[in-house]
Amino acid sequence: VSGLGVWNSGAGLGSGSSANAIPLDRIKGPVLIITGSEPLDIAFASGKNTFERLNHVPVFYGWRDDMQHIGTYGAANGGELGQIAWNWLEWTTRGDKTSGRMFVGPACSLCKDLSWHIGRKHVGQKDR
């Protein structure tokens, strides 16, 4: 596994409780975490906690205002979240710099979108 995408979930959900959270030190590649907004996505806290616990690999965390737990998966091609997944995979697995612009730099496209709230650690750094 060269990377990980966590969609409307987090490491605490896989273990049954956040008190027994899955050990994240076994993750070796970049991680993308996407959730809906806190009042509408039951997994918001788990996704946020997973982001906060990850410090040893590149991690991009985003949540969108007014997005429910179901996200945009029912839309054609996965909707907005499908585009995010596509760009993440193109960038992290194929090195596509155009796709990486969605996640890297102060003017990353998700960073400029006011409906998205972004957290990043080590994203786009060569030494990671």
C-alpha atoms as a PDB file:
ATOM      1  CA  VAL A   1       0.000   0.000   0.000  1.00  0.00           C
ATOM      2  CA  SER A   2       1.526   3.299  -1.083  1.00  0.00           C
ATOM      3  CA  GLY A   3      -1.139   5.638   0.313  1.00  0.00           C
ATOM      4  CA  LEU A   4      -4.415   5.739   2.159  1.00  0.00           C
ATOM      5  CA  GLY A   5      -7.749   7.493   1.678  1.00  0.00           C
ATOM      6  CA  VAL A   6     -10.142   7.707   4.627  1.00  0.00           C
ATOM      7  CA  TRP A   7     -13.639   8.770   3.606  1.00  0.00           C
ATOM      8  CA  ASN A   8     -16.177   9.843   6.229  1.00  0.00           C
ATOM      9  CA  SER A   9     -14.422   7.731   8.830  1.00  0.00           C
ATOM     10  CA  GLY A  10     -11.342   7.605  11.029  1.00  0.00           C
ATOM     11  CA  ALA A  11      -9.048   5.145  12.770  1.00  0.00           C
ATOM     12  CA  GLY A  12     -11.148   5.073  15.960  1.00  0.00           C
ATOM     13  CA  LEU A  13     -14.170   3.656  14.138  1.00  0.00           C
ATOM     14  CA  GLY A  14     -12.302   0.530  13.029  1.00  0.00           C
ATOM     15  CA  SER A  15     -11.388  -0.407  16.575  1.00  0.00           C
ATOM     16  CA  GLY A  16     -14.828  -0.005  18.074  1.00  0.00           C
ATOM     17  CA  SER A  17     -13.926   3.033  20.202  1.00  0.00           C
ATOM     18  CA  SER A  18     -11.577   5.972  20.160  1.00  0.00           C
ATOM     19  CA  ALA A  19     -10.106   4.735  23.464  1.00  0.00           C
ATOM     20  CA  ASN A  20      -8.783   1.673  21.594  1.00  0.00           C
ATOM     21  CA  ALA A  21      -7.827   3.492  18.427  1.00  0.00           C
ATOM     22  CA  ILE A  22      -5.956   1.660  15.703  1.00  0.00           C
ATOM     23  CA  PRO A  23      -2.158   2.189  15.899  1.00  0.00           C
ATOM     24  CA  LEU A  24      -1.308   4.680  13.176  1.00  0.00           C
ATOM     25  CA  ASP A  25       2.463   4.190  13.301  1.00  0.00           C
ATOM     26  CA  ARG A  26       2.090   1.314  10.834  1.00  0.00           C
ATOM     27  CA  ILE A  27       1.009   3.730   8.090  1.00  0.00           C
ATOM     28  CA  LYS A  28       3.929   4.437   5.762  1.00  0.00           C
ATOM     29  CA  GLY A  29       2.467   6.542   2.917  1.00  0.00           C
ATOM     30  CA  PRO A  30       0.469   9.751   2.444  1.00  0.00           C
ATOM     31  CA  VAL A  31      -3.029   9.917   3.929  1.00  0.00           C
ATOM     32  CA  LEU A  32      -6.128  11.775   2.746  1.00  0.00           C
ATOM     33  CA  ILE A  33      -8.958  12.210   5.279  1.00  0.00           C
ATOM     34  CA  ILE A  34     -12.279  13.673   4.131  1.00  0.00           C
ATOM     35  CA  THR A  35     -15.394  14.148   6.265  1.00  0.00           C
ATOM     36  CA  GLY A  36     -18.605  16.071   6.241  1.00  0.00           C
ATOM     37  CA  SER A  37     -19.414  18.813   8.717  1.00  0.00           C
ATOM     38  CA  GLU A  38     -19.597  18.069  12.436  1.00  0.00           C
ATOM     39  CA  PRO A  39     -23.376  18.233  12.888  1.00  0.00           C
ATOM     40  CA  LEU A  40     -24.091  16.128   9.779  1.00  0.00           C
ATOM     41  CA  ASP A  41     -21.340  13.488   9.703  1.00  0.00           C
ATOM     42  CA  ILE A  42     -21.238  10.939  12.515  1.00  0.00           C
ATOM     43  CA  ALA A  43     -17.583  10.255  11.652  1.00  0.00           C
ATOM     44  CA  PHE A  44     -16.420  13.880  11.885  1.00  0.00           C
ATOM     45  CA  ALA A  45     -14.784  13.464  15.317  1.00  0.00           C
ATOM     46  CA  SER A  46     -13.058  10.231  14.328  1.00  0.00           C
ATOM     47  CA  GLY A  47     -11.654  11.775  11.143  1.00  0.00           C
ATOM     48  CA  LYS A  48     -10.440  14.853  13.008  1.00  0.00           C
ATOM     49  CA  ASN A  49      -8.874  12.709  15.754  1.00  0.00           C
ATOM     50  CA  THR A  50      -7.087  10.581  13.164  1.00  0.00           C
ATOM     51  CA  PHE A  51      -5.655  13.719  11.541  1.00  0.00           C
ATOM     52  CA  GLU A  52      -4.500  15.032  14.910  1.00  0.00           C
ATOM     53  CA  ARG A  53      -2.775  11.709  15.747  1.00  0.00           C
ATOM     54  CA  LEU A  54      -0.912  11.392  12.434  1.00  0.00           C
ATOM     55  CA  ASN A  55       2.443  13.168  12.563  1.00  0.00           C
ATOM     56  CA  HIS A  56       4.910  10.877  10.808  1.00  0.00           C
ATOM     57  CA  VAL A  57       3.494  10.831   7.254  1.00  0.00           C
ATOM     58  CA  PRO A  58       2.017  13.461   4.930  1.00  0.00           C
ATOM     59  CA  VAL A  59      -1.667  13.916   5.760  1.00  0.00           C
ATOM     60  CA  PHE A  60      -4.311  16.129   4.183  1.00  0.00           C
ATOM     61  CA  TYR A  61      -7.553  16.583   6.105  1.00  0.00           C
ATOM     62  CA  GLY A  62     -10.602  18.332   4.721  1.00  0.00           C
ATOM     63  CA  TRP A  63     -14.198  18.725   5.774  1.00  0.00           C
ATOM     64  CA  ARG A  64     -16.878  20.606   3.939  1.00  0.00           C
ATOM     65  CA  ASP A  65     -19.666  22.793   5.282  1.00  0.00           C
ATOM     66  CA  ASP A  66     -23.120  21.222   5.118  1.00  0.00           C
ATOM     67  CA  MET A  67     -21.869  17.858   3.830  1.00  0.00           C
ATOM     68  CA  GLN A  68     -23.588  14.839   5.289  1.00  0.00           C
ATOM     69  CA  HIS A  69     -22.001  11.493   6.129  1.00  0.00           C
ATOM     70  CA  ILE A  70     -23.113  10.123   2.753  1.00  0.00           C
ATOM     71  CA  GLY A  71     -21.032  12.791   1.006  1.00  0.00           C
ATOM     72  CA  THR A  72     -21.456  13.105  -2.752  1.00  0.00           C
ATOM     73  CA  TYR A  73     -21.052   9.405  -3.509  1.00  0.00           C
ATOM     74  CA  GLY A  74     -24.530   9.130  -5.056  1.00  0.00           C
ATOM     75  CA  ALA A  75     -23.736  11.724  -7.732  1.00  0.00           C
ATOM     76  CA  ALA A  76     -22.347  10.809 -11.148  1.00  0.00           C
ATOM     77  CA  ASN A  77     -18.701   9.715 -10.834  1.00  0.00           C
ATOM     78  CA  GLY A  78     -18.838  10.267  -7.075  1.00  0.00           C
ATOM     79  CA  GLY A  79     -19.511  13.982  -7.437  1.00  0.00           C
ATOM     80  CA  GLU A  80     -17.128  16.406  -5.776  1.00  0.00           C
ATOM     81  CA  LEU A  81     -15.595  13.695  -3.586  1.00  0.00           C
ATOM     82  CA  GLY A  82     -14.945  11.563  -6.666  1.00  0.00           C
ATOM     83  CA  GLN A  83     -12.915  14.413  -8.151  1.00  0.00           C
ATOM     84  CA  ILE A  84     -10.960  14.798  -4.918  1.00  0.00           C
ATOM     85  CA  ALA A  85     -10.202  11.053  -4.879  1.00  0.00           C
ATOM     86  CA  TRP A  86      -9.126  11.098  -8.516  1.00  0.00           C
ATOM     87  CA  ASN A  87      -6.781  14.045  -8.007  1.00  0.00           C
ATOM     88  CA  TRP A  88      -5.304  12.545  -4.821  1.00  0.00           C
ATOM     89  CA  LEU A  89      -4.549   9.254  -6.551  1.00  0.00           C
ATOM     90  CA  GLU A  90      -3.147  10.901  -9.666  1.00  0.00           C
ATOM     91  CA  TRP A  91      -0.878  13.084  -7.555  1.00  0.00           C
ATOM     92  CA  THR A  92       0.270  10.542  -4.946  1.00  0.00           C
ATOM     93  CA  THR A  93       0.637   7.519  -7.224  1.00  0.00           C
ATOM     94  CA  ARG A  94       1.628   9.078 -10.544  1.00  0.00           C
ATOM     95  CA  GLY A  95       3.213  12.358  -9.496  1.00  0.00           C
ATOM     96  CA  ASP A  96       0.763  14.454 -11.534  1.00  0.00           C
ATOM     97  CA  LYS A  97       1.585  18.032 -10.479  1.00  0.00           C
ATOM     98  CA  THR A  98      -1.641  19.407 -11.976  1.00  0.00           C
ATOM     99  CA  SER A  99      -3.669  17.087  -9.715  1.00  0.00           C
ATOM    100  CA  GLY A 100      -1.417  17.985  -6.779  1.00  0.00           C
ATOM    101  CA  ARG A 101      -2.476  21.628  -7.025  1.00  0.00           C
ATOM    102  CA  MET A 102      -5.705  20.603  -5.309  1.00  0.00           C
ATOM    103  CA  PHE A 103      -3.705  19.831  -2.140  1.00  0.00           C
ATOM    104  CA  VAL A 104      -0.330  21.650  -2.217  1.00  0.00           C
ATOM    105  CA  GLY A 105       0.631  25.249  -1.588  1.00  0.00           C
ATOM    106  CA  PRO A 106      -1.145  28.234  -0.067  1.00  0.00           C
ATOM    107  CA  ALA A 107      -3.336  28.552  -3.159  1.00  0.00           C
ATOM    108  CA  CYS A 108      -4.360  24.890  -3.362  1.00  0.00           C
ATOM    109  CA  SER A 109      -7.811  24.658  -4.932  1.00  0.00           C
ATOM    110  CA  LEU A 110      -9.459  23.112  -1.857  1.00  0.00           C
ATOM    111  CA  CYS A 111      -7.727  25.722   0.331  1.00  0.00           C
ATOM    112  CA  LYS A 112      -9.266  28.561  -1.702  1.00  0.00           C
ATOM    113  CA  ASP A 113     -12.780  27.055  -1.621  1.00  0.00           C
ATOM    114  CA  LEU A 114     -14.548  28.733   1.309  1.00  0.00           C
ATOM    115  CA  SER A 115     -16.826  25.724   1.879  1.00  0.00           C
ATOM    116  CA  TRP A 116     -13.805  23.531   2.705  1.00  0.00           C
ATOM    117  CA  HIS A 117     -11.845  23.546   5.973  1.00  0.00           C
ATOM    118  CA  ILE A 118      -8.335  22.201   5.524  1.00  0.00           C
ATOM    119  CA  GLY A 119      -5.602  20.790   7.739  1.00  0.00           C
ATOM    120  CA  ARG A 120      -2.253  19.628   6.395  1.00  0.00           C
ATOM    121  CA  LYS A 121       0.913  18.074   7.776  1.00  0.00           C
ATOM    122  CA  HIS A 122       4.017  17.494   5.655  1.00  0.00           C
ATOM    123  CA  VAL A 123       1.959  17.608   2.412  1.00  0.00           C
ATOM    124  CA  GLY A 124       4.132  18.334  -0.597  1.00  0.00           C
ATOM    125  CA  GLN A 125       7.402  18.139   1.324  1.00  0.00           C
ATOM    126  CA  LYS A 126      10.185  16.281  -0.462  1.00  0.00           C
ATOM    127  CA  ASP A 127      11.767  14.881   2.703  1.00  0.00           C
ATOM    128  CA  ARG A 128       8.756  12.797   3.682  1.00  0.00           C
END
